[in-house]
N, C-alpha and C. Protein backbone atom coordinates (compact mmCIF):
# COMPACT_ATOMS: atom_id res chain seq x y z
N MET A 1 -2.46 -4.99 31.36
CA MET A 1 -2.34 -3.71 30.68
C MET A 1 -0.98 -3.59 29.98
N ILE A 2 0.07 -4.05 30.66
CA ILE A 2 1.41 -4.01 30.06
C ILE A 2 1.47 -4.91 28.82
N ASP A 3 0.79 -6.05 28.88
CA ASP A 3 0.79 -6.96 27.73
C ASP A 3 0.14 -6.31 26.52
N ILE A 4 -0.94 -5.58 26.74
CA ILE A 4 -1.63 -4.92 25.63
C ILE A 4 -0.74 -3.82 25.04
N LEU A 5 -0.14 -3.02 25.90
CA LEU A 5 0.75 -1.96 25.44
C LEU A 5 1.96 -2.53 24.70
N SER A 6 2.50 -3.60 25.22
CA SER A 6 3.63 -4.27 24.58
C SER A 6 3.23 -4.79 23.20
N SER A 7 2.06 -5.39 23.11
CA SER A 7 1.58 -5.90 21.82
C SER A 7 1.38 -4.77 20.82
N ILE A 8 0.89 -3.63 21.29
CA ILE A 8 0.70 -2.49 20.40
C ILE A 8 2.04 -2.01 19.85
N PHE A 9 3.03 -1.89 20.73
CA PHE A 9 4.36 -1.47 20.27
C PHE A 9 4.95 -2.47 19.28
N LEU A 10 4.78 -3.75 19.55
CA LEU A 10 5.31 -4.77 18.64
C LEU A 10 4.61 -4.72 17.29
N LEU A 11 3.29 -4.53 17.29
CA LEU A 11 2.55 -4.46 16.03
C LEU A 11 2.91 -3.20 15.24
N VAL A 12 3.04 -2.08 15.92
CA VAL A 12 3.43 -0.84 15.23
C VAL A 12 4.84 -0.99 14.65
N GLY A 13 5.74 -1.59 15.40
CA GLY A 13 7.09 -1.82 14.89
C GLY A 13 7.10 -2.74 13.68
N ALA A 14 6.30 -3.79 13.73
CA ALA A 14 6.22 -4.70 12.59
C ALA A 14 5.60 -3.99 11.38
N ALA A 15 4.58 -3.18 11.62
CA ALA A 15 3.95 -2.44 10.52
C ALA A 15 4.94 -1.46 9.88
N LEU A 16 5.73 -0.79 10.69
CA LEU A 16 6.74 0.12 10.14
C LEU A 16 7.79 -0.65 9.34
N GLY A 17 8.15 -1.83 9.80
CA GLY A 17 9.08 -2.65 9.03
C GLY A 17 8.51 -3.06 7.69
N ILE A 18 7.22 -3.38 7.68
CA ILE A 18 6.56 -3.74 6.42
C ILE A 18 6.49 -2.55 5.48
N VAL A 19 6.18 -1.37 6.03
CA VAL A 19 6.13 -0.16 5.21
C VAL A 19 7.50 0.12 4.60
N GLY A 20 8.56 -0.07 5.36
CA GLY A 20 9.90 0.10 4.82
C GLY A 20 10.20 -0.91 3.72
N GLY A 21 9.76 -2.14 3.92
CA GLY A 21 9.95 -3.16 2.89
C GLY A 21 9.18 -2.85 1.61
N ILE A 22 7.98 -2.34 1.76
CA ILE A 22 7.20 -1.93 0.59
C ILE A 22 7.90 -0.78 -0.13
N GLY A 23 8.47 0.14 0.66
CA GLY A 23 9.19 1.26 0.06
C GLY A 23 10.39 0.81 -0.76
N ILE A 24 11.06 -0.24 -0.30
CA ILE A 24 12.19 -0.77 -1.06
C ILE A 24 11.74 -1.26 -2.43
N HIS A 25 10.60 -1.90 -2.50
CA HIS A 25 10.13 -2.46 -3.76
C HIS A 25 9.40 -1.44 -4.62
N ARG A 26 8.85 -0.41 -4.02
CA ARG A 26 8.02 0.54 -4.76
C ARG A 26 8.83 1.67 -5.40
N PHE A 27 9.81 2.17 -4.72
CA PHE A 27 10.51 3.35 -5.20
C PHE A 27 11.47 3.02 -6.34
N PRO A 28 11.75 4.00 -7.22
CA PRO A 28 12.43 3.70 -8.48
C PRO A 28 13.95 3.55 -8.41
N ASP A 29 14.62 4.23 -7.50
CA ASP A 29 16.08 4.17 -7.54
C ASP A 29 16.66 3.93 -6.15
N PHE A 30 17.95 3.78 -6.13
CA PHE A 30 18.65 3.43 -4.89
C PHE A 30 18.46 4.47 -3.80
N TYR A 31 18.53 5.73 -4.17
CA TYR A 31 18.49 6.79 -3.16
C TYR A 31 17.13 6.90 -2.48
N THR A 32 16.05 6.79 -3.24
CA THR A 32 14.73 6.85 -2.62
C THR A 32 14.46 5.58 -1.82
N ARG A 33 14.96 4.47 -2.28
CA ARG A 33 14.82 3.23 -1.51
C ARG A 33 15.59 3.31 -0.19
N LEU A 34 16.77 3.87 -0.26
CA LEU A 34 17.58 4.04 0.95
C LEU A 34 16.90 4.98 1.93
N HIS A 35 16.27 6.02 1.41
CA HIS A 35 15.55 6.96 2.27
C HIS A 35 14.37 6.27 2.95
N ALA A 36 13.64 5.46 2.18
CA ALA A 36 12.47 4.78 2.74
C ALA A 36 12.86 3.84 3.88
N ILE A 37 13.88 3.06 3.68
CA ILE A 37 14.25 2.11 4.72
C ILE A 37 15.06 2.76 5.83
N GLY A 38 15.82 3.79 5.49
CA GLY A 38 16.62 4.47 6.51
C GLY A 38 15.78 5.17 7.56
N ILE A 39 14.64 5.68 7.16
CA ILE A 39 13.75 6.35 8.11
C ILE A 39 12.98 5.33 8.95
N THR A 40 12.46 4.30 8.30
CA THR A 40 11.57 3.39 9.02
C THR A 40 12.30 2.37 9.88
N ASP A 41 13.53 2.02 9.54
CA ASP A 41 14.18 0.95 10.31
C ASP A 41 14.51 1.36 11.74
N THR A 42 14.91 2.61 11.94
CA THR A 42 15.24 3.04 13.30
C THR A 42 14.00 3.12 14.17
N LEU A 43 12.93 3.69 13.62
CA LEU A 43 11.69 3.78 14.39
C LEU A 43 11.07 2.40 14.60
N SER A 44 11.17 1.54 13.61
CA SER A 44 10.67 0.18 13.76
C SER A 44 11.43 -0.57 14.86
N ALA A 45 12.73 -0.41 14.86
CA ALA A 45 13.54 -1.05 15.91
C ALA A 45 13.19 -0.51 17.28
N LEU A 46 12.96 0.81 17.38
CA LEU A 46 12.57 1.40 18.65
C LEU A 46 11.27 0.80 19.16
N MET A 47 10.28 0.71 18.29
CA MET A 47 8.98 0.18 18.71
C MET A 47 9.08 -1.29 19.13
N ILE A 48 9.79 -2.08 18.36
CA ILE A 48 9.92 -3.50 18.69
C ILE A 48 10.70 -3.69 19.99
N LEU A 49 11.79 -2.98 20.13
CA LEU A 49 12.59 -3.12 21.36
C LEU A 49 11.84 -2.58 22.57
N LEU A 50 11.05 -1.54 22.39
CA LEU A 50 10.25 -1.03 23.49
C LEU A 50 9.18 -2.04 23.91
N GLY A 51 8.55 -2.67 22.92
CA GLY A 51 7.58 -3.72 23.23
C GLY A 51 8.21 -4.90 23.96
N LEU A 52 9.40 -5.29 23.53
CA LEU A 52 10.10 -6.38 24.21
C LEU A 52 10.55 -5.99 25.61
N ALA A 53 10.97 -4.73 25.77
CA ALA A 53 11.40 -4.26 27.09
C ALA A 53 10.22 -4.22 28.06
N LEU A 54 9.05 -3.87 27.57
CA LEU A 54 7.86 -3.89 28.44
C LEU A 54 7.55 -5.31 28.89
N GLN A 55 7.74 -6.26 28.00
CA GLN A 55 7.51 -7.66 28.38
C GLN A 55 8.55 -8.14 29.39
N ALA A 56 9.77 -7.65 29.26
CA ALA A 56 10.84 -8.10 30.15
C ALA A 56 10.73 -7.50 31.54
N GLY A 57 10.10 -6.33 31.64
CA GLY A 57 10.01 -5.67 32.95
C GLY A 57 11.35 -5.05 33.32
N TRP A 58 11.49 -4.67 34.59
CA TRP A 58 12.75 -4.07 35.06
C TRP A 58 13.74 -5.19 35.35
N SER A 59 14.52 -5.52 34.34
CA SER A 59 15.48 -6.61 34.49
C SER A 59 16.72 -6.29 33.66
N ILE A 60 17.67 -7.18 33.73
CA ILE A 60 18.88 -7.02 32.93
C ILE A 60 18.56 -7.14 31.44
N ALA A 61 17.52 -7.89 31.11
CA ALA A 61 17.12 -8.03 29.70
C ALA A 61 16.66 -6.69 29.14
N ALA A 62 15.91 -5.92 29.92
CA ALA A 62 15.45 -4.61 29.46
C ALA A 62 16.64 -3.67 29.27
N PHE A 63 17.61 -3.76 30.15
CA PHE A 63 18.82 -2.95 30.02
C PHE A 63 19.58 -3.32 28.74
N LYS A 64 19.67 -4.60 28.45
CA LYS A 64 20.35 -5.05 27.24
C LYS A 64 19.60 -4.58 25.99
N LEU A 65 18.27 -4.62 26.05
CA LEU A 65 17.47 -4.13 24.92
C LEU A 65 17.70 -2.63 24.71
N ALA A 66 17.83 -1.89 25.80
CA ALA A 66 18.12 -0.45 25.69
C ALA A 66 19.49 -0.22 25.07
N LEU A 67 20.46 -1.03 25.43
CA LEU A 67 21.79 -0.91 24.82
C LEU A 67 21.76 -1.24 23.33
N ILE A 68 20.97 -2.23 22.97
CA ILE A 68 20.82 -2.57 21.55
C ILE A 68 20.22 -1.39 20.80
N PHE A 69 19.21 -0.75 21.40
CA PHE A 69 18.60 0.39 20.72
C PHE A 69 19.59 1.54 20.57
N VAL A 70 20.37 1.82 21.59
CA VAL A 70 21.36 2.90 21.49
C VAL A 70 22.35 2.59 20.37
N PHE A 71 22.78 1.35 20.28
CA PHE A 71 23.68 0.94 19.20
C PHE A 71 23.03 1.15 17.84
N LEU A 72 21.78 0.70 17.67
CA LEU A 72 21.08 0.86 16.40
C LEU A 72 20.80 2.33 16.09
N PHE A 73 20.52 3.12 17.12
CA PHE A 73 20.20 4.53 16.93
C PHE A 73 21.37 5.27 16.30
N PHE A 74 22.59 4.88 16.63
CA PHE A 74 23.75 5.55 16.06
C PHE A 74 24.27 4.88 14.79
N THR A 75 24.18 3.57 14.69
CA THR A 75 24.77 2.89 13.53
C THR A 75 23.86 2.88 12.31
N SER A 76 22.56 2.86 12.48
CA SER A 76 21.66 2.80 11.34
C SER A 76 21.75 4.05 10.46
N PRO A 77 21.64 5.26 11.01
CA PRO A 77 21.81 6.44 10.15
C PRO A 77 23.22 6.55 9.58
N THR A 78 24.21 6.12 10.34
CA THR A 78 25.58 6.17 9.84
C THR A 78 25.75 5.22 8.66
N ALA A 79 25.17 4.04 8.75
CA ALA A 79 25.25 3.09 7.65
C ALA A 79 24.51 3.61 6.42
N SER A 80 23.35 4.21 6.62
CA SER A 80 22.61 4.79 5.49
C SER A 80 23.43 5.89 4.81
N HIS A 81 24.04 6.73 5.61
CA HIS A 81 24.87 7.80 5.06
C HIS A 81 26.07 7.22 4.30
N ALA A 82 26.70 6.22 4.86
CA ALA A 82 27.86 5.60 4.20
C ALA A 82 27.45 4.96 2.88
N LEU A 83 26.31 4.30 2.84
CA LEU A 83 25.83 3.70 1.60
C LEU A 83 25.54 4.76 0.54
N ALA A 84 24.87 5.85 0.96
CA ALA A 84 24.57 6.92 0.01
C ALA A 84 25.85 7.58 -0.51
N TYR A 85 26.79 7.79 0.37
CA TYR A 85 28.07 8.39 -0.03
C TYR A 85 28.82 7.48 -1.00
N ALA A 86 28.84 6.20 -0.70
CA ALA A 86 29.54 5.25 -1.59
C ALA A 86 28.85 5.18 -2.95
N ALA A 87 27.53 5.20 -2.96
CA ALA A 87 26.81 5.16 -4.23
C ALA A 87 27.08 6.41 -5.05
N GLN A 88 27.07 7.56 -4.40
CA GLN A 88 27.35 8.81 -5.11
C GLN A 88 28.80 8.86 -5.59
N HIS A 89 29.69 8.40 -4.75
CA HIS A 89 31.12 8.41 -5.10
C HIS A 89 31.41 7.46 -6.26
N SER A 90 30.65 6.38 -6.37
CA SER A 90 30.88 5.43 -7.47
C SER A 90 30.19 5.86 -8.76
N GLY A 91 29.44 6.96 -8.71
CA GLY A 91 28.83 7.48 -9.93
C GLY A 91 27.39 7.06 -10.15
N LEU A 92 26.76 6.48 -9.18
CA LEU A 92 25.36 6.09 -9.32
C LEU A 92 24.48 7.33 -9.31
N LYS A 93 23.76 7.54 -10.40
CA LYS A 93 22.92 8.73 -10.54
C LYS A 93 21.49 8.42 -10.12
N PRO A 94 20.81 9.38 -9.51
CA PRO A 94 19.40 9.16 -9.17
C PRO A 94 18.54 9.18 -10.43
N LYS A 95 17.45 8.45 -10.37
CA LYS A 95 16.51 8.43 -11.48
C LYS A 95 15.66 9.69 -11.39
N LEU A 96 15.71 10.52 -12.43
CA LEU A 96 15.04 11.81 -12.38
C LEU A 96 13.68 11.82 -13.06
N ASP A 97 13.43 10.92 -14.01
CA ASP A 97 12.12 10.93 -14.65
C ASP A 97 11.10 10.21 -13.77
N GLN A 98 9.85 10.57 -13.92
CA GLN A 98 8.79 10.05 -13.06
C GLN A 98 8.06 8.86 -13.68
N LYS A 99 8.57 8.28 -14.75
CA LYS A 99 7.89 7.17 -15.42
C LYS A 99 8.27 5.85 -14.84
């Protein structure tokens, strides 16, 4: 049962990563691309790390995976914000037309 649940979490995490990758290629400008990947990468990492932690069981490996998630949970949104701020500060304008 744990193997099935772990596989589901891993597949959902991989699917979210693919959706984020599609968003990078589909959206027209830097800001919408950053939004697409900024939202999906944290949730994708959560799902993948949760699936791996279920496989590891109650061990030091699961604890390390939890620490990795806490690190990603705080650094990923911070990095997205820093990138958006740097782009805006350098004068990069969002694409406003819908063509």
